[in-house]
Amino acid sequence: MFLWAPMRMWGIPLKCHQCNRKMHHSGIYTKIREVIDLDTRYYLIGGDYPRCSKCMIPVCPWSTEVLNQLDPAHRNKFPAILTTQLALDKRCVTLLKPRTVGNSSSYVQQALEELHSEEWAKRTIEYLSDCELHKKKSALTQSHEVVYKNPPEFIPLPLAQWFETVHANEILSHLSEMKGVITSTYGRILKLDSTKKITKKLAGGISETATWMTNITNEYGQVLNCVLTTGEGAGLEELCQGIVKRFQNAREPEPHILYVDRDCCSESGVPPLLELFRPWNTNVRLDIFHYMRRFTTGLTTEHHPLYGTFCSKLYCCIFEWDQDDVNCLKEAKRSELKKKYAGHPPTDAQVLANISSSELAKHCRRRTRGVEETRNLIQELLDSMWELTDT
């Protein structure tokens, strides 16, 4: 039995969430909740039944209105997450948090039911053993025959869907902290992009309510905000102004550059998309990926036999590896091969042959070529592949 009485145990003054008046004691809370623990069950009982002194509205002692008024140290003393009928101990909720392969709500439900059944079997055996011992003692004293009650039956645990509900309630209790972590993400380089791939995976009643998902990310790949819309580029002003206010409230400088997938050019010199981020004067540029997609629109389909070849060569026309990083990787690989082959120095061709593409991408940075060099290489690529039809 767990007694929860924050007004009596710690003397914390509670206030009504409607009229903001101080609440007073009004007896014992009558409803008792059964809490599922790791291997058994126990009960919660509210020692104090707080009631508002003005509107006389009683409040459940473990309701959200009461728990939100407590500081984190006292609030963490409450041991369970409650639902409509039952409750789950926080130690069991911890098992639902790591979302690894094989760790699902069904697995947790089955594991807890196995622990409960073992504890029930152990207590049943102890009870039957005590009854047998008492029966033998009663026979020696020649007392009247004693009738023993049957041990209680095993109570199965709720379904796995109930565990998912408890997990969702636990996440909602940390909603303010999660919002704080999300809204404290900034960046010096932002990217605005829209996609249909996420909305195609929606199921249920909302499957056809949105067609586009627009994300704003930073240079580290962190998502600052996202929104679902019915059309590309529609209804993004509130999203963009929210990002602007977030930077202003945190006194963060505006980003250096904003990469977009469309609306980056204008005859007046001010990109149309920059109006959504007013009053920022950030440089707006077309993202490299969508820049390359402008060239591939000339192909019939992405399954064209020259599509992969053209994209890989176009990629090389735009990017190049940083030579300082490549030289450092060559020296490291040369030292590795020299130790492996008993001190024989490898040639440059052998060093390059042993550097894989994954090692090159892991240890070396990429950079864009100059404007003139990129223009010349792309023109040469177009001239060389203009008349080609297959590999």
Protein backbone atom coordinates (compact mmCIF):
# COMPACT_ATOMS: atom_id res chain seq x y z
CA MET A 1 0.00 0.00 0.00
CA PHE A 2 1.43 3.37 -1.03
CA LEU A 3 0.18 6.56 0.66
CA TRP A 4 0.31 9.70 -1.49
CA ALA A 5 -0.35 12.85 0.51
CA PRO A 6 1.80 15.78 -0.67
CA MET A 7 -0.16 18.32 1.41
CA ARG A 8 0.45 16.47 4.68
CA MET A 9 3.86 14.87 4.08
CA TRP A 10 5.70 17.94 2.81
CA GLY A 11 3.30 20.79 3.58
CA ILE A 12 3.22 21.99 -0.03
CA PRO A 13 0.41 24.51 -0.63
CA LEU A 14 -1.69 23.46 -3.63
CA LYS A 15 -3.80 25.84 -5.72
CA CYS A 16 -6.89 25.28 -7.83
CA HIS A 17 -6.11 25.33 -11.56
CA GLN A 18 -9.38 27.16 -12.32
CA CYS A 19 -9.63 30.01 -9.78
CA ASN A 20 -6.03 29.89 -8.48
CA ARG A 21 -7.26 29.68 -4.87
CA LYS A 22 -5.59 27.64 -2.16
CA MET A 23 -6.98 24.13 -1.63
CA HIS A 24 -7.60 22.51 1.75
CA HIS A 25 -7.96 18.99 3.08
CA SER A 26 -11.32 17.29 2.68
CA GLY A 27 -10.81 13.73 3.85
CA ILE A 28 -9.49 10.52 2.32
CA TYR A 29 -9.68 9.83 -1.39
CA THR A 30 -11.93 6.81 -1.81
CA LYS A 31 -10.76 5.36 -5.11
CA ILE A 32 -7.85 2.92 -4.94
CA ARG A 33 -5.65 2.14 -7.92
CA GLU A 34 -3.98 -1.23 -8.48
CA VAL A 35 -0.39 -0.82 -9.71
CA ILE A 36 1.42 -3.49 -11.71
CA ASP A 37 5.00 -3.89 -10.51
CA LEU A 38 7.87 -6.01 -11.82
CA ASP A 39 6.77 -9.24 -10.11
CA THR A 40 3.63 -8.41 -8.12
CA ARG A 41 0.87 -5.82 -7.60
CA TYR A 42 0.36 -3.17 -4.95
CA TYR A 43 -2.18 -0.41 -4.33
CA LEU A 44 -2.18 3.38 -4.33
CA ILE A 45 -4.38 5.28 -1.93
CA GLY A 46 -4.65 9.06 -1.76
CA GLY A 47 -4.27 10.22 1.84
CA ASP A 48 -5.43 13.78 1.09
CA TYR A 49 -8.48 14.74 -0.92
CA PRO A 50 -7.73 18.41 -1.83
CA ARG A 51 -10.72 20.66 -2.47
CA CYS A 52 -10.79 24.28 -3.61
CA SER A 53 -11.88 26.74 -0.91
CA LYS A 54 -13.93 28.83 -3.38
CA CYS A 55 -15.38 26.66 -6.13
CA MET A 56 -15.39 23.55 -3.85
CA ILE A 57 -14.25 21.32 -6.70
CA PRO A 58 -12.43 18.20 -5.44
CA VAL A 59 -9.22 17.16 -7.16
CA CYS A 60 -7.71 13.71 -7.43
CA PRO A 61 -4.51 13.71 -5.32
CA TRP A 62 -2.45 12.18 -8.14
CA SER A 63 -3.98 14.19 -11.01
CA THR A 64 -1.87 16.18 -13.46
CA GLU A 65 -3.02 19.46 -11.85
CA VAL A 66 -1.51 18.37 -8.53
CA LEU A 67 1.66 16.79 -9.89
CA ASN A 68 2.50 19.84 -12.02
CA GLN A 69 2.56 22.05 -8.90
CA LEU A 70 5.25 19.95 -7.24
CA ASP A 71 8.97 20.42 -7.77
CA PRO A 72 10.83 17.65 -9.65
CA ALA A 73 12.27 16.13 -6.46
CA HIS A 74 8.85 15.59 -4.86
CA ARG A 75 7.14 14.71 -8.11
CA ASN A 76 9.60 11.88 -8.75
CA LYS A 77 8.46 10.28 -5.49
CA PHE A 78 5.19 9.33 -7.15
CA PRO A 79 5.93 5.73 -8.18
CA ALA A 80 3.54 4.96 -11.05
CA ILE A 81 2.02 6.08 -14.35
CA LEU A 82 -1.79 5.97 -14.15
CA THR A 83 -4.43 5.13 -16.72
CA THR A 84 -8.22 4.85 -16.46
CA GLN A 85 -8.37 1.58 -14.50
CA LEU A 86 -4.87 0.33 -13.67
CA ALA A 87 -1.41 1.82 -13.22
CA LEU A 88 2.13 0.73 -14.10
CA ASP A 89 5.15 1.17 -11.87
CA LYS A 90 7.85 3.47 -13.21
CA ARG A 91 10.41 0.67 -13.08
CA CYS A 92 8.31 -1.23 -15.61
CA VAL A 93 7.93 1.89 -17.74
CA THR A 94 11.73 2.11 -17.91
CA LEU A 95 11.76 -1.23 -19.73
CA LEU A 96 9.62 0.31 -22.50
CA LYS A 97 11.98 3.23 -23.19
CA PRO A 98 14.87 1.59 -25.10
CA ARG A 99 13.40 1.02 -28.57
CA THR A 100 15.90 -1.60 -29.74
CA VAL A 101 15.36 -4.57 -32.01
CA GLY A 102 13.11 -7.08 -30.25
CA ASN A 103 12.19 -4.77 -27.37
CA SER A 104 8.50 -4.13 -27.99
CA SER A 105 5.48 -3.70 -25.77
CA SER A 106 4.54 -7.34 -26.45
CA TYR A 107 7.96 -8.50 -25.25
CA VAL A 108 7.70 -6.43 -22.04
CA GLN A 109 4.17 -7.70 -21.40
CA GLN A 110 5.25 -11.33 -21.81
CA ALA A 111 8.34 -10.87 -19.64
CA LEU A 112 6.37 -9.23 -16.82
CA GLU A 113 3.65 -11.89 -17.01
CA GLU A 114 6.32 -14.57 -16.66
CA LEU A 115 7.75 -12.83 -13.58
CA HIS A 116 4.26 -12.45 -12.09
CA SER A 117 3.46 -16.12 -12.70
CA GLU A 118 6.68 -17.23 -11.00
CA GLU A 119 5.96 -15.03 -7.97
CA TRP A 120 2.36 -16.33 -7.85
CA ALA A 121 3.58 -19.93 -8.01
CA LYS A 122 6.11 -19.32 -5.22
CA ARG A 123 3.52 -17.75 -2.91
CA THR A 124 1.00 -20.49 -3.72
CA ILE A 125 3.52 -23.18 -2.76
CA GLU A 126 4.30 -21.35 0.50
CA TYR A 127 0.58 -21.10 1.31
CA LEU A 128 -0.09 -24.79 0.59
CA SER A 129 2.96 -25.80 2.65
CA ASP A 130 1.74 -23.73 5.61
CA CYS A 131 -1.71 -25.29 5.29
CA GLU A 132 -0.20 -28.80 5.30
CA LEU A 133 1.91 -28.01 8.35
CA HIS A 134 -1.08 -26.55 10.20
CA LYS A 135 -3.15 -29.61 9.30
CA LYS A 136 -0.54 -31.94 10.83
CA LYS A 137 -0.41 -29.88 14.04
CA SER A 138 -4.20 -29.89 14.27
CA ALA A 139 -4.23 -33.69 13.98
CA LEU A 140 -1.82 -34.00 16.93
CA THR A 141 -3.93 -31.78 19.15
CA GLN A 142 -7.12 -33.64 18.10
CA SER A 143 -8.90 -30.38 17.35
CA HIS A 144 -11.82 -30.09 15.02
CA GLU A 145 -11.28 -30.36 11.27
CA VAL A 146 -10.07 -27.12 9.66
CA VAL A 147 -11.25 -26.09 6.19
CA TYR A 148 -8.66 -24.21 4.12
CA LYS A 149 -9.51 -21.81 1.36
CA ASN A 150 -8.12 -22.37 -2.12
CA PRO A 151 -5.21 -20.12 -3.09
CA PRO A 152 -6.17 -17.13 -5.25
CA GLU A 153 -6.08 -17.67 -8.98
CA PHE A 154 -3.45 -16.07 -11.16
CA ILE A 155 -4.59 -12.73 -12.62
CA PRO A 156 -3.23 -12.24 -16.15
CA LEU A 157 -1.69 -8.93 -17.13
CA PRO A 158 -3.36 -6.48 -19.54
CA LEU A 159 -2.69 -6.64 -23.25
CA ALA A 160 0.37 -5.12 -24.91
CA GLN A 161 -1.74 -2.21 -26.20
CA TRP A 162 -2.26 -1.09 -22.61
CA PHE A 163 1.51 -0.96 -22.10
CA GLU A 164 1.77 1.25 -25.18
CA THR A 165 -0.83 3.60 -23.67
CA VAL A 166 1.16 3.85 -20.45
CA HIS A 167 4.33 4.56 -22.42
CA ALA A 168 2.53 7.34 -24.32
CA ASN A 169 1.28 8.87 -21.04
CA GLU A 170 4.83 8.83 -19.68
CA ILE A 171 6.13 10.63 -22.77
CA LEU A 172 3.40 13.28 -22.48
CA SER A 173 4.53 14.02 -18.92
CA HIS A 174 7.89 15.15 -20.36
CA LEU A 175 6.33 17.19 -23.16
CA SER A 176 7.64 20.53 -21.90
CA GLU A 177 11.21 19.19 -21.62
CA MET A 178 11.02 17.68 -25.11
CA LYS A 179 9.73 20.95 -26.54
CA GLY A 180 12.58 22.77 -24.82
CA VAL A 181 15.18 20.45 -26.35
CA ILE A 182 13.65 20.72 -29.82
CA THR A 183 13.25 24.50 -29.78
CA SER A 184 16.80 25.03 -28.51
CA THR A 185 18.27 23.75 -31.79
CA TYR A 186 19.84 26.39 -34.04
CA GLY A 187 22.34 26.54 -36.90
CA ARG A 188 24.46 28.79 -39.06
CA ILE A 189 23.42 27.02 -42.28
CA LEU A 190 19.76 26.11 -42.82
CA LYS A 191 18.10 24.01 -45.47
CA LEU A 192 14.43 24.10 -46.48
CA ASP A 193 13.22 21.07 -48.38
CA SER A 194 9.90 19.37 -49.19
CA THR A 195 9.26 15.70 -49.85
CA LYS A 196 6.42 13.30 -50.61
CA LYS A 197 8.10 10.15 -49.32
CA ILE A 198 7.02 10.64 -45.70
CA THR A 199 3.38 11.40 -46.47
CA LYS A 200 3.10 8.29 -48.63
CA LYS A 201 3.81 6.20 -45.51
CA LEU A 202 0.91 7.67 -43.52
CA ALA A 203 -1.83 5.18 -42.73
CA GLY A 204 -5.30 5.32 -41.25
CA GLY A 205 -7.71 8.23 -41.42
CA ILE A 206 -4.94 10.77 -42.10
CA SER A 207 -3.46 8.90 -45.05
CA GLU A 208 -4.76 11.33 -47.68
CA THR A 209 -4.98 14.55 -45.67
CA ALA A 210 -1.47 15.75 -46.60
CA THR A 211 0.70 15.35 -49.68
CA TRP A 212 3.90 17.24 -48.77
CA MET A 213 6.18 17.39 -45.74
CA THR A 214 8.48 20.40 -45.41
CA ASN A 215 11.51 20.30 -43.11
CA ILE A 216 13.98 22.93 -41.94
CA THR A 217 17.33 21.43 -40.93
CA ASN A 218 20.75 22.77 -39.97
CA GLU A 219 24.27 21.87 -41.07
CA TYR A 220 24.36 18.92 -38.65
CA GLY A 221 21.23 17.28 -40.06
CA GLN A 222 19.11 18.23 -37.03
CA VAL A 223 15.48 19.07 -37.78
CA LEU A 224 14.47 22.48 -36.43
CA ASN A 225 10.82 22.17 -37.43
CA CYS A 226 8.55 20.38 -39.90
CA VAL A 227 5.01 20.75 -41.19
CA LEU A 228 2.56 18.71 -43.29
CA THR A 229 0.78 20.59 -46.08
CA THR A 230 -1.62 19.78 -48.90
CA GLY A 231 0.60 21.41 -51.55
CA GLU A 232 4.26 22.18 -52.12
CA GLY A 233 5.20 25.59 -50.75
CA ALA A 234 1.71 26.29 -49.34
CA GLY A 235 1.19 27.51 -45.78
CA LEU A 236 4.89 27.85 -44.90
CA GLU A 237 4.79 31.42 -43.56
CA GLU A 238 3.89 30.36 -40.02
CA LEU A 239 6.63 27.72 -40.08
CA CYS A 240 9.30 30.17 -41.25
CA GLN A 241 8.22 32.97 -38.91
CA GLY A 242 8.35 30.51 -36.03
CA ILE A 243 12.00 29.81 -36.81
CA VAL A 244 12.72 33.56 -37.01
CA LYS A 245 11.09 34.17 -33.61
CA ARG A 246 13.03 31.27 -32.12
CA PHE A 247 16.32 32.82 -33.20
CA GLN A 248 15.24 36.27 -31.99
CA ASN A 249 14.06 35.08 -28.57
CA ALA A 250 17.32 33.19 -28.02
CA ARG A 251 19.32 36.19 -29.34
CA GLU A 252 20.96 33.97 -31.91
CA PRO A 253 22.38 35.63 -35.07
CA GLU A 254 20.58 34.90 -38.30
CA PRO A 255 22.06 32.07 -40.40
CA HIS A 256 24.72 32.81 -42.97
CA ILE A 257 23.01 31.00 -45.83
CA LEU A 258 19.71 29.27 -46.58
CA TYR A 259 19.63 26.39 -49.06
CA VAL A 260 16.30 25.76 -50.79
CA ASP A 261 14.88 23.49 -53.46
CA ARG A 262 13.00 26.20 -55.37
CA ASP A 263 12.25 29.98 -55.54
CA CYS A 264 15.88 30.97 -55.13
CA CYS A 265 16.07 33.39 -58.09
CA SER A 266 14.27 36.66 -58.78
CA GLU A 267 14.57 39.49 -61.30
CA SER A 268 14.38 42.06 -58.47
CA GLY A 269 17.31 40.47 -56.66
CA VAL A 270 15.24 39.47 -53.60
CA PRO A 271 14.27 35.77 -53.63
CA PRO A 272 10.53 35.19 -53.08
CA LEU A 273 11.26 32.69 -50.33
CA LEU A 274 13.13 35.29 -48.31
CA GLU A 275 9.82 37.10 -47.76
CA LEU A 276 8.78 34.19 -45.53
CA PHE A 277 11.86 34.73 -43.34
CA ARG A 278 11.50 38.50 -42.95
CA PRO A 279 13.31 40.51 -41.63
CA TRP A 280 16.30 38.27 -42.35
CA ASN A 281 18.76 39.21 -45.13
CA THR A 282 20.24 35.74 -45.41
CA ASN A 283 21.79 34.59 -48.69
CA VAL A 284 19.45 32.17 -50.44
CA ARG A 285 21.04 29.52 -52.66
CA LEU A 286 19.84 26.48 -54.56
CA ASP A 287 20.78 23.18 -52.95
CA ILE A 288 23.36 21.14 -54.89
CA PHE A 289 21.13 18.08 -55.07
CA HIS A 290 18.28 20.02 -56.68
CA TYR A 291 20.81 21.83 -58.88
CA MET A 292 21.82 18.45 -60.27
CA ARG A 293 18.18 17.46 -60.67
CA ARG A 294 17.72 20.37 -63.08
CA PHE A 295 20.05 18.58 -65.52
CA THR A 296 18.50 15.12 -65.16
CA THR A 297 15.06 16.38 -66.22
CA GLY A 298 16.30 16.03 -69.81
CA LEU A 299 16.38 12.24 -69.37
CA THR A 300 13.28 10.24 -70.09
CA THR A 301 13.24 8.44 -66.72
CA GLU A 302 15.48 7.63 -63.76
CA HIS A 303 15.68 4.08 -65.11
CA HIS A 304 17.44 5.33 -68.25
CA PRO A 305 20.66 3.31 -68.81
CA LEU A 306 22.73 6.52 -68.76
CA TYR A 307 21.10 8.04 -65.68
CA GLY A 308 23.61 6.70 -63.13
CA THR A 309 26.59 7.40 -65.38
CA PHE A 310 25.50 10.97 -66.05
CA CYS A 311 24.81 11.72 -62.36
CA SER A 312 28.16 10.35 -61.20
CA LYS A 313 30.06 12.39 -63.80
CA LEU A 314 27.99 15.48 -63.01
CA TYR A 315 28.83 14.99 -59.34
CA CYS A 316 32.54 14.96 -60.17
CA CYS A 317 32.13 18.16 -62.20
CA ILE A 318 30.80 19.97 -59.11
CA PHE A 319 32.74 18.46 -56.18
CA GLU A 320 36.38 17.62 -55.57
CA TRP A 321 38.22 16.06 -52.65
CA ASP A 322 40.29 18.29 -50.41
CA GLN A 323 43.88 17.59 -51.43
CA ASP A 324 45.32 18.11 -47.93
CA ASP A 325 42.99 15.47 -46.51
CA VAL A 326 43.73 13.11 -49.39
CA ASN A 327 47.50 13.47 -48.86
CA CYS A 328 47.14 12.74 -45.15
CA LEU A 329 45.08 9.64 -45.95
CA LYS A 330 47.73 8.47 -48.44
CA GLU A 331 50.51 8.79 -45.86
CA ALA A 332 48.45 6.88 -43.28
CA LYS A 333 47.69 4.11 -45.78
CA ARG A 334 51.35 4.01 -46.90
CA SER A 335 52.48 3.49 -43.28
CA GLU A 336 49.87 0.77 -42.80
CA LEU A 337 50.96 -1.13 -45.92
CA LYS A 338 54.64 -0.76 -45.00
CA LYS A 339 54.05 -2.45 -41.63
CA LYS A 340 51.90 -5.12 -43.24
CA TYR A 341 54.48 -6.14 -45.88
CA ALA A 342 57.63 -6.27 -43.72
CA GLY A 343 58.90 -2.77 -44.37
CA HIS A 344 58.67 -2.75 -48.17
CA PRO A 345 57.53 0.75 -49.24
CA PRO A 346 54.44 0.55 -51.52
CA THR A 347 54.15 2.51 -54.72
CA ASP A 348 51.64 5.31 -55.27
CA ALA A 349 49.51 3.01 -57.42
CA GLN A 350 49.38 0.41 -54.65
CA VAL A 351 48.42 3.05 -52.07
CA LEU A 352 45.57 4.36 -54.22
CA ALA A 353 44.37 0.83 -54.97
CA ASN A 354 44.07 0.05 -51.23
CA ILE A 355 42.05 3.18 -50.36
CA SER A 356 38.38 2.29 -50.49
CA SER A 357 35.59 4.74 -51.26
CA SER A 358 34.24 4.38 -47.71
CA GLU A 359 37.61 5.37 -46.23
CA LEU A 360 37.81 8.32 -48.59
CA ALA A 361 34.36 9.54 -47.56
CA LYS A 362 35.09 9.00 -43.85
CA HIS A 363 38.43 10.79 -43.59
CA CYS A 364 38.37 13.39 -46.38
CA ARG A 365 36.27 16.49 -46.92
CA ARG A 366 34.65 17.54 -50.18
CA ARG A 367 34.44 21.04 -51.58
CA THR A 368 32.92 22.66 -54.62
CA ARG A 369 35.06 23.70 -57.56
CA GLY A 370 35.32 27.24 -58.82
CA VAL A 371 32.56 28.80 -60.91
CA GLU A 372 34.48 28.83 -64.20
CA GLU A 373 35.90 25.34 -63.71
CA THR A 374 32.44 23.93 -62.87
CA ARG A 375 30.87 25.63 -65.89
CA ASN A 376 33.55 24.29 -68.26
CA LEU A 377 33.39 20.73 -66.91
CA ILE A 378 29.59 20.59 -67.12
CA GLN A 379 29.66 21.91 -70.67
CA GLU A 380 32.22 19.30 -71.65
CA LEU A 381 30.08 16.59 -70.03
CA LEU A 382 26.98 17.72 -71.94
CA ASP A 383 28.90 17.84 -75.22
CA SER A 384 30.33 14.36 -74.73
CA MET A 385 27.01 12.69 -73.76
CA TRP A 386 24.52 14.70 -75.83
CA GLU A 387 24.22 12.19 -78.63
CA LEU A 388 24.60 9.01 -76.56
CA THR A 389 21.64 6.65 -76.21
CA ASP A 390 23.07 3.74 -74.18
CA THR A 391 26.23 2.63 -72.41
